[in-house]
């Protein structure tokens, strides 16, 4: 009988490398089509947004209806359960508390010759957050993105989210935006929303930063507009790695793997372990727990196609596999997870111990759940206030400091063949004599 999830003992590295490359393959496939969409929005503005929303979302919108009205936001907020509203408010408070601790300070220092050097840290003036629709709505992602932007000090924050067939947006998404104090909300999604945020249209002012998760078309659009605006990262598909030993409860491990698999058919869910016994029981638990999941088809497809249990010969090899894959989410369900933490080099977020499942981080803990995927945790970080901050260098030389610098600067400028640079120094020396 074919098992739902495969156990891999030979060449686990090859499987991990193949899994990590799926994002790049997906991007290459859609980039040409996304480039056409972006150019259409740049050329035709609101008219293009009307046409593209009709084509991709099946919704007829006039430009006056792009923006969600204040009354619609209020109605949505009133529709959600009070318990959910309280949970969203409490989670947003934790998110902001965490992100405010990430803030950097401007600084200034005096040099030995009287020069003043420094760095100014300022928030960007505007940002757009993308809230996915489609398979699910994510008010938690709204809170994460807005919480990071507001904590950085961004004054204008706009939210973009695709409309449903009735031209509405999920009430919980609108309620989350209201809790976070955002009123500029557009019922626009896909690559066309990213283009509108980056370049602007007749009715939409462009922004300086675009952040938030989305499907492969949204990710490709962010890649193409980067440089015109800053972006957080190229995220997706999502993934989890559980590194576990014999102390782990198999049913809990299986539940955590499925919690990621239900996101998307292309999500990756991996258990890495030295325990053959744990591997076998988790294999059985996954099949049993899947049967009662509402998103059984999505989770099952993810587990079958992009899930695996990797058997390692030692904990050291298991940790090496983790660092090679650089997972978005990493759970350490080990006898001593803190001892292993020091050896973990690459992970978007690390969840320590059996009572820290990924879902706690997704909704409640405070650190951002928008995380680098596809191996990019080797060099990228979670969404944070840094994405919404910019740095300016400050340089101030008095006459004495300038005099000491003049000779070395002239020599270096002429070594590079930049005579005008050298003369801009010498003219000040001549006039100063």
Protein backbone atom coordinates (compact mmCIF):
# COMPACT_ATOMS: atom_id res chain seq x y z
CA UNK A 1 0.00 0.00 0.00
CA UNK A 2 1.37 3.40 -0.98
CA UNK A 3 1.92 5.70 1.99
CA UNK A 4 0.70 9.29 2.08
CA UNK A 5 4.19 10.58 2.86
CA UNK A 6 7.49 9.07 1.79
CA UNK A 7 10.39 8.22 4.10
CA UNK A 8 13.74 9.12 2.56
CA UNK A 9 16.99 7.69 3.87
CA UNK A 10 19.19 7.80 0.76
CA UNK A 11 20.22 11.18 -0.67
CA UNK A 12 18.01 13.44 1.46
CA UNK A 13 20.15 16.36 0.23
CA UNK A 14 18.96 15.82 -3.33
CA UNK A 15 15.33 15.91 -2.28
CA UNK A 16 15.86 19.13 -0.31
CA UNK A 17 17.62 20.85 -3.20
CA UNK A 18 14.83 19.94 -5.59
CA UNK A 19 12.21 21.21 -3.15
CA UNK A 20 14.04 24.51 -2.64
CA UNK A 21 14.20 25.20 -6.38
CA UNK A 22 10.46 25.06 -7.00
CA UNK A 23 9.98 28.78 -6.31
CA UNK A 24 12.52 29.81 -8.93
CA UNK A 25 10.93 27.47 -11.46
CA UNK A 26 7.47 28.88 -10.75
CA UNK A 27 8.71 32.47 -11.10
CA UNK A 28 10.40 31.79 -14.43
CA UNK A 29 7.15 30.34 -15.74
CA UNK A 30 4.96 33.38 -14.96
CA UNK A 31 7.35 36.33 -15.33
CA UNK A 32 6.56 37.07 -19.02
CA UNK A 33 2.79 37.21 -18.39
CA UNK A 34 3.27 39.33 -15.26
CA UNK A 35 5.50 41.76 -17.14
CA UNK A 36 2.68 42.31 -19.64
CA UNK A 37 0.19 42.99 -16.84
CA UNK A 38 2.50 45.54 -15.24
CA UNK A 39 3.07 47.31 -18.53
CA UNK A 40 -0.67 47.41 -19.16
CA UNK A 41 -1.25 49.12 -15.80
CA UNK A 42 1.59 51.58 -16.44
CA UNK A 43 0.18 52.46 -19.86
CA UNK A 44 -3.55 52.55 -19.11
CA UNK A 45 -3.89 53.08 -15.35
CA UNK A 46 -7.42 52.70 -14.01
CA UNK A 47 -8.73 51.40 -17.33
CA UNK A 48 -6.28 48.50 -17.13
CA UNK A 49 -7.28 47.75 -13.54
CA UNK A 50 -10.95 47.58 -14.56
CA UNK A 51 -10.18 45.17 -17.40
CA UNK A 52 -7.76 42.99 -15.42
CA UNK A 53 -10.11 42.72 -12.43
CA UNK A 54 -12.87 41.62 -14.79
CA UNK A 55 -10.58 39.06 -16.43
CA UNK A 56 -8.93 37.54 -13.35
CA UNK A 57 -11.48 38.06 -10.57
CA UNK A 58 -14.71 37.99 -12.56
CA UNK A 59 -15.78 41.30 -11.02
CA UNK A 60 -16.97 44.48 -12.69
CA UNK A 61 -15.50 47.49 -10.90
CA UNK A 62 -15.44 51.15 -11.79
CA UNK A 63 -12.51 53.26 -10.54
CA UNK A 64 -14.78 54.90 -7.98
CA UNK A 65 -15.35 51.45 -6.45
CA UNK A 66 -11.68 50.45 -6.16
CA UNK A 67 -11.45 51.89 -2.66
CA UNK A 68 -13.47 50.28 0.12
CA UNK A 69 -15.76 52.83 1.77
CA UNK A 70 -15.62 53.69 5.45
CA UNK A 71 -19.19 52.37 5.85
CA UNK A 72 -18.21 49.00 4.38
CA UNK A 73 -15.29 48.76 6.78
CA UNK A 74 -17.55 49.57 9.72
CA UNK A 75 -20.13 47.00 8.64
CA UNK A 76 -17.44 44.35 8.31
CA UNK A 77 -16.05 45.10 11.75
CA UNK A 78 -19.53 44.76 13.23
CA UNK A 79 -20.07 41.37 11.56
CA UNK A 80 -17.20 39.45 13.11
CA UNK A 81 -17.61 37.68 16.44
CA UNK A 82 -16.63 39.75 19.49
CA UNK A 83 -14.27 36.99 20.62
CA UNK A 84 -12.43 37.14 17.30
CA UNK A 85 -12.25 40.93 17.48
CA UNK A 86 -10.71 40.72 20.96
CA UNK A 87 -8.22 38.10 19.77
CA UNK A 88 -7.18 40.27 16.82
CA UNK A 89 -6.78 43.33 19.04
CA UNK A 90 -4.66 41.45 21.57
CA UNK A 91 -2.51 39.89 18.86
CA UNK A 92 -1.96 43.28 17.23
CA UNK A 93 -0.76 44.66 20.55
CA UNK A 94 1.78 41.85 20.88
CA UNK A 95 2.92 42.33 17.27
CA UNK A 96 3.53 46.05 17.76
CA UNK A 97 5.28 45.51 21.10
CA UNK A 98 7.70 43.09 19.44
CA UNK A 99 8.34 45.21 16.36
CA UNK A 100 8.99 48.41 18.30
CA UNK A 101 11.97 46.65 19.87
CA UNK A 102 13.49 46.36 16.37
CA UNK A 103 13.75 50.11 15.88
CA UNK A 104 17.17 51.59 15.14
CA UNK A 105 18.47 54.95 16.34
CA UNK A 106 20.14 57.71 14.37
CA UNK A 107 23.68 58.41 15.55
CA UNK A 108 26.42 61.03 15.20
CA UNK A 109 30.10 60.93 16.06
CA UNK A 110 32.97 63.43 15.98
CA UNK A 111 36.18 62.54 14.15
CA UNK A 112 39.74 63.43 15.22
CA UNK A 113 39.99 66.40 12.82
CA UNK A 114 36.68 68.00 13.75
CA UNK A 115 34.50 66.25 11.16
CA UNK A 116 31.04 65.03 12.14
CA UNK A 117 29.84 61.70 10.76
CA UNK A 118 26.52 60.04 11.32
CA UNK A 119 23.54 58.08 10.14
CA UNK A 120 19.92 59.22 10.07
CA UNK A 121 17.18 56.61 10.34
CA UNK A 122 13.83 57.66 8.90
CA UNK A 123 10.66 55.77 7.98
CA UNK A 124 9.50 55.78 4.39
CA UNK A 125 6.48 57.99 3.82
CA UNK A 126 4.18 55.36 2.35
CA UNK A 127 3.77 51.60 2.12
CA UNK A 128 1.37 49.07 0.62
CA UNK A 129 0.49 45.78 2.28
CA UNK A 130 -0.90 42.91 0.24
CA UNK A 131 -3.51 40.63 1.84
CA UNK A 132 -4.12 37.41 -0.13
CA UNK A 133 -7.55 36.13 -1.06
CA UNK A 134 -8.27 33.02 -3.08
CA UNK A 135 -7.94 29.80 -1.08
CA UNK A 136 -8.11 31.64 2.25
CA UNK A 137 -8.19 35.08 3.83
CA UNK A 138 -5.51 36.05 6.31
CA UNK A 139 -6.40 38.81 8.79
CA UNK A 140 -3.31 37.72 10.73
CA UNK A 141 -1.10 38.75 7.79
CA UNK A 142 -2.84 42.14 7.75
CA UNK A 143 -1.91 42.67 11.40
CA UNK A 144 1.67 41.50 10.80
CA UNK A 145 2.30 43.82 7.87
CA UNK A 146 0.59 46.88 9.28
CA UNK A 147 2.13 46.29 12.72
CA UNK A 148 5.64 46.34 11.24
CA UNK A 149 4.93 49.43 9.11
CA UNK A 150 3.26 51.42 11.88
CA UNK A 151 5.97 50.48 14.38
CA UNK A 152 8.52 51.86 11.92
CA UNK A 153 6.60 55.14 11.79
CA UNK A 154 5.09 54.94 8.29
CA UNK A 155 2.32 57.53 8.04
CA UNK A 156 0.45 56.34 4.94
CA UNK A 157 -0.33 52.62 4.80
CA UNK A 158 -2.57 51.24 2.04
CA UNK A 159 -3.99 47.72 1.94
CA UNK A 160 -4.66 45.81 -1.28
CA UNK A 161 -6.73 42.61 -1.34
CA UNK A 162 -8.53 40.82 -4.19
CA UNK A 163 -12.35 40.99 -4.26
CA UNK A 164 -14.65 38.00 -4.11
CA UNK A 165 -17.30 37.39 -6.77
CA UNK A 166 -19.60 39.93 -5.11
CA UNK A 167 -16.80 42.55 -5.10
CA UNK A 168 -16.41 42.20 -1.35
CA UNK A 169 -13.40 41.60 0.88
CA UNK A 170 -13.41 39.12 3.74
CA UNK A 171 -14.92 40.87 6.81
CA UNK A 172 -12.15 39.63 9.10
CA UNK A 173 -9.52 41.20 6.80
CA UNK A 174 -11.35 44.54 6.88
CA UNK A 175 -11.82 44.29 10.63
CA UNK A 176 -8.10 43.59 11.13
CA UNK A 177 -7.23 46.64 9.02
CA UNK A 178 -9.60 48.77 11.09
CA UNK A 179 -8.06 47.49 14.34
CA UNK A 180 -4.64 48.44 12.97
CA UNK A 181 -5.87 51.91 11.99
CA UNK A 182 -5.76 51.56 8.19
CA UNK A 183 -8.61 53.09 6.19
CA UNK A 184 -7.06 53.19 2.71
CA UNK A 185 -8.12 49.80 1.40
CA UNK A 186 -8.44 48.73 -2.25
CA UNK A 187 -10.40 45.75 -3.55
CA UNK A 188 -7.67 44.96 -6.04
CA UNK A 189 -5.48 41.88 -6.20
CA UNK A 190 -2.90 40.02 -8.23
CA UNK A 191 -0.03 41.44 -10.24
CA UNK A 192 -2.21 44.40 -11.27
CA UNK A 193 -2.52 45.51 -7.62
CA UNK A 194 1.26 45.41 -7.20
CA UNK A 195 1.69 47.47 -10.37
CA UNK A 196 -0.85 50.05 -9.19
CA UNK A 197 0.89 50.34 -5.82
CA UNK A 198 4.31 50.74 -7.43
CA UNK A 199 3.48 53.13 -10.28
CA UNK A 200 0.15 54.65 -9.32
CA UNK A 201 -2.90 55.30 -11.47
CA UNK A 202 -5.40 58.15 -11.83
CA UNK A 203 -7.04 57.16 -8.52
CA UNK A 204 -4.21 55.44 -6.63
CA UNK A 205 -1.12 57.20 -5.32
CA UNK A 206 2.08 55.13 -5.59
CA UNK A 207 3.94 53.97 -2.50
CA UNK A 208 7.59 53.48 -1.60
CA UNK A 209 7.50 49.96 -0.11
CA UNK A 210 5.37 46.91 -0.94
CA UNK A 211 5.17 44.02 1.53
CA UNK A 212 3.05 41.03 2.32
CA UNK A 213 2.53 37.48 1.02
CA UNK A 214 0.74 36.55 -2.19
CA UNK A 215 0.53 33.92 -4.91
CA UNK A 216 3.19 33.36 -7.55
CA UNK A 217 1.83 36.19 -9.75
CA UNK A 218 2.03 38.65 -6.85
CA UNK A 219 5.55 37.45 -6.05
CA UNK A 220 6.65 37.80 -9.67
CA UNK A 221 5.19 41.31 -9.81
CA UNK A 222 7.11 42.29 -6.67
CA UNK A 223 10.28 41.00 -8.30
CA UNK A 224 9.68 43.14 -11.38
CA UNK A 225 8.82 46.39 -9.57
CA UNK A 226 11.75 46.11 -7.15
CA UNK A 227 13.97 49.11 -7.72
CA UNK A 228 11.04 51.39 -8.38
CA UNK A 229 9.91 50.50 -4.86
CA UNK A 230 11.46 48.47 -2.09
CA UNK A 231 9.92 45.08 -1.27
CA UNK A 232 10.11 42.78 1.71
CA UNK A 233 11.06 39.52 -0.03
CA UNK A 234 10.06 37.01 -2.70
CA UNK A 235 8.14 34.55 -0.55
CA UNK A 236 6.36 31.28 -1.23
CA UNK A 237 5.48 28.48 -1.45
CA UNK A 238 5.39 28.03 2.31
CA UNK A 239 7.24 25.31 4.21
CA UNK A 240 7.82 23.76 7.62
CA UNK A 241 10.57 21.51 8.95
CA UNK A 242 10.11 19.66 12.23
CA UNK A 243 13.39 18.44 13.69
CA UNK A 244 12.38 15.85 16.28
CA UNK A 245 13.76 13.00 18.36
CA UNK A 246 12.22 10.13 20.37
CA UNK A 247 10.86 12.55 22.98
CA UNK A 248 8.41 14.00 20.45
CA UNK A 249 4.74 13.05 20.53
CA UNK A 250 4.05 11.64 17.02
CA UNK A 251 0.47 12.92 16.88
CA UNK A 252 1.67 16.45 17.64
CA UNK A 253 4.35 16.29 14.95
CA UNK A 254 1.81 15.08 12.38
CA UNK A 255 -0.62 17.85 13.35
CA UNK A 256 2.09 20.49 12.92
CA UNK A 257 3.04 19.17 9.48
CA UNK A 258 -0.59 19.27 8.38
CA UNK A 259 -1.00 22.81 9.73
CA UNK A 260 1.41 23.95 7.05
CA UNK A 261 0.24 21.58 4.33
CA UNK A 262 -3.32 22.97 4.41
CA UNK A 263 -2.08 26.37 3.16
CA UNK A 264 -1.40 25.33 -0.41
CA UNK A 265 -0.94 22.28 -2.64
CA UNK A 266 2.69 23.36 -3.18
CA UNK A 267 3.53 23.90 0.50
CA UNK A 268 6.35 21.78 1.86
CA UNK A 269 6.06 19.77 5.10
CA UNK A 270 9.11 17.86 6.32
CA UNK A 271 10.06 15.83 9.37
CA UNK A 272 13.78 15.32 9.92
CA UNK A 273 14.61 12.76 12.59
CA UNK A 274 17.11 10.12 13.67
CA UNK A 275 14.28 7.94 14.98
CA UNK A 276 12.92 5.29 12.62
CA UNK A 277 10.18 4.54 15.15
CA UNK A 278 9.01 8.16 15.20
CA UNK A 279 9.10 8.27 11.40
CA UNK A 280 6.83 5.24 11.07
CA UNK A 281 4.27 6.42 13.64
CA UNK A 282 4.16 9.96 12.18
CA UNK A 283 3.61 8.41 8.75
CA UNK A 284 0.54 6.62 10.11
CA UNK A 285 -0.70 9.65 12.08
CA UNK A 286 -0.59 11.89 9.02
CA UNK A 287 -2.86 9.57 7.08
CA UNK A 288 -5.28 9.23 9.99
CA UNK A 289 -5.47 12.95 10.82
CA UNK A 290 -5.82 14.00 7.20
CA UNK A 291 -9.16 12.23 6.88
CA UNK A 292 -11.00 14.72 9.11
CA UNK A 293 -9.44 17.92 7.78
CA UNK A 294 -11.80 20.33 5.97
CA UNK A 295 -8.95 21.11 3.55
CA UNK A 296 -8.16 17.45 3.05
CA UNK A 297 -7.55 17.72 -0.69
CA UNK A 298 -5.12 20.64 -0.41
CA UNK A 299 -3.21 19.18 2.55
CA UNK A 300 -3.09 15.72 1.02
CA UNK A 301 -1.70 17.01 -2.25
CA UNK A 302 0.96 19.02 -0.39
CA UNK A 303 2.03 16.06 1.76
CA UNK A 304 2.16 13.64 -1.18
CA UNK A 305 4.01 15.90 -3.60
CA UNK A 306 6.17 18.13 -1.40
CA UNK A 307 6.26 16.37 1.96
CA UNK A 308 8.78 13.83 3.27
CA UNK A 309 10.26 12.26 6.36
CA UNK A 310 14.04 12.40 6.18
CA UNK A 311 15.94 9.83 8.25
CA UNK A 312 19.34 11.09 9.39
CA UNK A 313 22.16 9.00 10.80
CA UNK A 314 22.86 11.43 13.64
CA UNK A 315 21.59 14.66 15.13
CA UNK A 316 24.58 16.41 13.55
CA UNK A 317 23.52 15.22 10.08
CA UNK A 318 19.92 16.23 10.80
CA UNK A 319 21.03 19.76 11.72
CA UNK A 320 23.19 19.89 8.60
CA UNK A 321 20.11 19.04 6.51
CA UNK A 322 18.18 21.84 8.21
CA UNK A 323 20.91 24.37 7.45
CA UNK A 324 21.12 23.16 3.86
CA UNK A 325 17.38 23.66 3.30
CA UNK A 326 17.11 26.92 5.32
CA UNK A 327 13.42 26.44 6.13
CA UNK A 328 10.85 29.18 6.53
CA UNK A 329 9.53 27.60 9.76
CA UNK A 330 11.64 25.29 11.93
CA UNK A 331 10.27 23.46 14.96
CA UNK A 332 12.82 21.93 17.36
CA UNK A 333 10.95 19.19 19.23
CA UNK A 334 13.97 17.72 20.94
CA UNK A 335 14.98 16.67 24.44
CA UNK A 336 17.12 19.84 24.63
CA UNK A 337 16.13 22.24 21.82
CA UNK A 338 18.26 25.04 23.28
CA UNK A 339 21.41 22.93 22.90
CA UNK A 340 20.63 22.46 19.22
CA UNK A 341 19.75 26.13 18.60
CA UNK A 342 23.37 27.27 18.59
CA UNK A 343 24.07 25.00 15.61
CA UNK A 344 21.14 26.28 13.54
CA UNK A 345 22.40 28.81 10.99
CA UNK A 346 19.55 29.13 8.51
CA UNK A 347 15.86 29.43 9.39
CA UNK A 348 13.21 32.11 9.04
CA UNK A 349 11.67 31.44 12.46
CA UNK A 350 12.62 28.86 15.08
CA UNK A 351 9.97 27.37 17.36
CA UNK A 352 11.45 25.92 20.54
CA UNK A 353 10.00 22.80 22.12
CA UNK A 354 6.81 20.77 21.97
CA UNK A 355 4.57 23.54 23.26
CA UNK A 356 5.63 26.07 20.61
CA UNK A 357 3.86 24.92 17.45
CA UNK A 358 4.12 27.07 14.36
CA UNK A 359 0.49 28.20 14.77
CA UNK A 360 1.47 30.13 17.93
CA UNK A 361 3.85 32.19 15.81
CA UNK A 362 1.38 32.54 12.96
CA UNK A 363 -1.20 34.26 15.14
CA UNK A 364 -0.12 35.27 18.59
CA UNK A 365 3.52 35.33 19.66
CA UNK A 366 4.50 38.70 18.14
CA UNK A 367 7.38 38.07 15.70
CA UNK A 368 6.33 38.51 12.09
CA UNK A 369 5.00 35.46 10.27
CA UNK A 370 5.97 36.81 6.83
CA UNK A 371 9.18 34.82 6.40
CA UNK A 372 11.78 33.96 3.75
CA UNK A 373 11.13 30.71 1.85
CA UNK A 374 12.77 28.45 -0.70
CA UNK A 375 16.20 28.57 0.93
CA UNK A 376 16.31 32.37 1.06
CA UNK A 377 16.57 32.27 4.87
CA UNK A 378 20.29 31.87 4.19
CA UNK A 379 20.43 35.57 3.38
CA UNK A 380 17.00 37.13 4.08
CA UNK A 381 15.19 37.93 7.32
CA UNK A 382 11.55 38.00 8.46
CA UNK A 383 9.46 41.05 7.65
CA UNK A 384 10.25 43.71 10.23
CA UNK A 385 10.51 47.44 10.73
CA UNK A 386 13.79 47.48 8.77
CA UNK A 387 11.89 47.09 5.49
CA UNK A 388 10.09 50.36 6.18
CA UNK A 389 13.14 52.32 7.32
CA UNK A 390 15.75 54.09 5.22
CA UNK A 391 19.21 55.31 6.17
CA UNK A 392 20.93 58.53 5.17
CA UNK A 393 24.63 59.04 5.79
CA UNK A 394 25.61 62.43 7.25
CA UNK A 395 29.01 64.04 6.64
CA UNK A 396 30.14 67.44 7.90
CA UNK A 397 33.77 68.66 7.49
CA UNK A 398 35.10 71.95 8.81
CA UNK A 399 38.02 73.77 7.17
CA UNK A 400 40.66 72.00 9.24
CA UNK A 401 39.24 68.53 8.57
CA UNK A 402 38.92 69.35 4.87
CA UNK A 403 42.57 70.48 4.74
CA UNK A 404 43.79 67.18 6.15
CA UNK A 405 41.62 65.19 3.70
CA UNK A 406 42.49 67.21 0.57
CA UNK A 407 45.76 65.55 -0.36
CA UNK A 408 44.63 61.93 -0.05
CA UNK A 409 41.34 62.66 -1.87
CA UNK A 410 43.12 64.34 -4.81
CA UNK A 411 45.53 61.42 -5.16
CA UNK A 412 42.74 58.82 -5.11
CA UNK A 413 40.59 60.80 -7.55
CA UNK A 414 43.41 61.09 -10.09
CA UNK A 415 44.25 57.40 -9.66
CA UNK A 416 40.73 56.71 -10.86
CA UNK A 417 41.00 59.16 -13.75
CA UNK A 418 38.40 61.54 -12.29
CA UNK A 419 40.05 64.93 -12.76
CA UNK A 420 36.93 66.96 -11.97
CA UNK A 421 36.76 65.28 -8.57
CA UNK A 422 40.36 66.30 -7.87
CA UNK A 423 39.80 69.87 -9.03
CA UNK A 424 36.69 70.21 -6.80
CA UNK A 425 39.08 69.69 -3.89
CA UNK A 426 41.93 71.84 -5.17
CA UNK A 427 39.71 74.85 -5.93
CA UNK A 428 38.81 75.02 -2.25
CA UNK A 429 42.46 74.83 -1.19
CA UNK A 430 43.41 77.63 -3.59
CA UNK A 431 40.57 79.88 -2.50
CA UNK A 432 41.24 79.14 1.10
CA UNK A 433 44.85 80.42 0.94
